[in-house]
Amino acid sequence: MPTAQMPSEFDPERRGISAPRPAGGQDPDPDKTAATERRYLWLLVLMIALIVGITTAVGIIGMIVVALGGTT
């Protein structure tokens, strides 16, 4: 059974839009877009790993310096 939708979802004028709804919304090349998104996902994972790794390394180095009698 399809969900009931409000008429205001379909009527641009009731939503305060004076112009007709623009055309579009279809991806012309979904395979290329998916490949690009996978590349961005790997870059995101790499950036998060670098941030976590660098902060962990700096924390460990700081603890070693303090343990050896250095100042913070």
C-alpha atoms as a PDB file:
ATOM      1  CA  MET A   1       0.000   0.000   0.000  1.00  0.00           C
ATOM      2  CA  PRO A   2       1.568   3.335  -1.005  1.00  0.00           C
ATOM      3  CA  THR A   3       2.061   5.979   1.630  1.00  0.00           C
ATOM      4  CA  ALA A   4      -0.417   8.832   1.681  1.00  0.00           C
ATOM      5  CA  GLN A   5       1.193  12.104   0.649  1.00  0.00           C
ATOM      6  CA  MET A   6      -0.030  15.560   1.367  1.00  0.00           C
ATOM      7  CA  PRO A   7      -1.185  17.613  -1.630  1.00  0.00           C
ATOM      8  CA  SER A   8       1.210  20.378  -0.567  1.00  0.00           C
ATOM      9  CA  GLU A   9       4.119  18.069  -1.444  1.00  0.00           C
ATOM     10  CA  PHE A  10       3.037  18.157  -5.077  1.00  0.00           C
ATOM     11  CA  ASP A  11       1.837  21.736  -5.438  1.00  0.00           C
ATOM     12  CA  PRO A  12       4.787  24.167  -5.758  1.00  0.00           C
ATOM     13  CA  GLU A  13       2.593  27.211  -5.232  1.00  0.00           C
ATOM     14  CA  ARG A  14       1.371  25.929  -1.869  1.00  0.00           C
ATOM     15  CA  ARG A  15       5.011  25.460  -0.832  1.00  0.00           C
ATOM     16  CA  GLY A  16       5.767  29.094  -1.696  1.00  0.00           C
ATOM     17  CA  ILE A  17       7.516  28.406  -4.991  1.00  0.00           C
ATOM     18  CA  SER A  18       6.270  30.642  -7.770  1.00  0.00           C
ATOM     19  CA  ALA A  19       8.211  28.948 -10.587  1.00  0.00           C
ATOM     20  CA  PRO A  20       7.525  25.458 -11.887  1.00  0.00           C
ATOM     21  CA  ARG A  21       9.620  22.608 -10.519  1.00  0.00           C
ATOM     22  CA  PRO A  22      12.959  22.356 -12.361  1.00  0.00           C
ATOM     23  CA  ALA A  23      13.645  19.287 -14.444  1.00  0.00           C
ATOM     24  CA  GLY A  24      16.371  16.862 -13.476  1.00  0.00           C
ATOM     25  CA  GLY A  25      17.205  14.594 -10.628  1.00  0.00           C
ATOM     26  CA  GLN A  26      18.410  11.712 -12.779  1.00  0.00           C
ATOM     27  CA  ASP A  27      22.094  10.795 -12.706  1.00  0.00           C
ATOM     28  CA  PRO A  28      23.320  10.564 -16.317  1.00  0.00           C
ATOM     29  CA  ASP A  29      26.135   8.105 -15.491  1.00  0.00           C
ATOM     30  CA  PRO A  30      25.493   6.154 -12.274  1.00  0.00           C
ATOM     31  CA  ASP A  31      28.538   3.882 -12.723  1.00  0.00           C
ATOM     32  CA  LYS A  32      30.945   6.813 -12.929  1.00  0.00           C
ATOM     33  CA  THR A  33      29.238   8.480  -9.964  1.00  0.00           C
ATOM     34  CA  ALA A  34      29.500   5.294  -7.890  1.00  0.00           C
ATOM     35  CA  ALA A  35      33.219   5.005  -8.686  1.00  0.00           C
ATOM     36  CA  THR A  36      33.776   8.628  -7.665  1.00  0.00           C
ATOM     37  CA  GLU A  37      31.862   8.110  -4.428  1.00  0.00           C
ATOM     38  CA  ARG A  38      33.951   5.008  -3.620  1.00  0.00           C
ATOM     39  CA  ARG A  39      37.123   7.038  -4.132  1.00  0.00           C
ATOM     40  CA  TYR A  40      35.810   9.771  -1.827  1.00  0.00           C
ATOM     41  CA  LEU A  41      34.859   7.160   0.771  1.00  0.00           C
ATOM     42  CA  TRP A  42      38.409   5.800   0.790  1.00  0.00           C
ATOM     43  CA  LEU A  43      39.791   9.343   1.098  1.00  0.00           C
ATOM     44  CA  LEU A  44      37.470   9.971   4.033  1.00  0.00           C
ATOM     45  CA  VAL A  45      38.574   6.764   5.778  1.00  0.00           C
ATOM     46  CA  LEU A  46      42.226   7.672   5.133  1.00  0.00           C
ATOM     47  CA  MET A  47      41.773  11.176   6.572  1.00  0.00           C
ATOM     48  CA  ILE A  48      40.094   9.827   9.702  1.00  0.00           C
ATOM     49  CA  ALA A  49      42.846   7.228  10.155  1.00  0.00           C
ATOM     50  CA  LEU A  50      45.530   9.905   9.756  1.00  0.00           C
ATOM     51  CA  ILE A  51      43.876  12.202  12.285  1.00  0.00           C
ATOM     52  CA  VAL A  52      43.480   9.419  14.844  1.00  0.00           C
ATOM     53  CA  GLY A  53      46.982   8.065  14.178  1.00  0.00           C
ATOM     54  CA  ILE A  54      48.721  11.418  14.436  1.00  0.00           C
ATOM     55  CA  THR A  55      46.939  12.411  17.639  1.00  0.00           C
ATOM     56  CA  THR A  56      47.732   9.014  19.162  1.00  0.00           C
ATOM     57  CA  ALA A  57      51.400   9.318  18.200  1.00  0.00           C
ATOM     58  CA  VAL A  58      51.643  12.839  19.622  1.00  0.00           C
ATOM     59  CA  GLY A  59      50.023  11.663  22.864  1.00  0.00           C
ATOM     60  CA  ILE A  60      52.418   8.724  23.212  1.00  0.00           C
ATOM     61  CA  ILE A  61      55.437  10.929  22.471  1.00  0.00           C
ATOM     62  CA  GLY A  62      54.204  13.437  25.040  1.00  0.00           C
ATOM     63  CA  MET A  63      53.827  10.743  27.697  1.00  0.00           C
ATOM     64  CA  ILE A  64      57.357   9.451  26.962  1.00  0.00           C
ATOM     65  CA  VAL A  65      58.809  12.961  27.239  1.00  0.00           C
ATOM     66  CA  VAL A  66      57.076  13.539  30.564  1.00  0.00           C
ATOM     67  CA  ALA A  67      58.139  10.094  31.860  1.00  0.00           C
ATOM     68  CA  LEU A  68      61.772  10.874  31.035  1.00  0.00           C
ATOM     69  CA  GLY A  69      61.650  14.065  33.087  1.00  0.00           C
ATOM     70  CA  GLY A  70      60.808  16.583  30.425  1.00  0.00           C
ATOM     71  CA  THR A  71      58.254  19.348  30.790  1.00  0.00           C
ATOM     72  CA  THR A  72      55.010  19.758  28.962  1.00  0.00           C
END
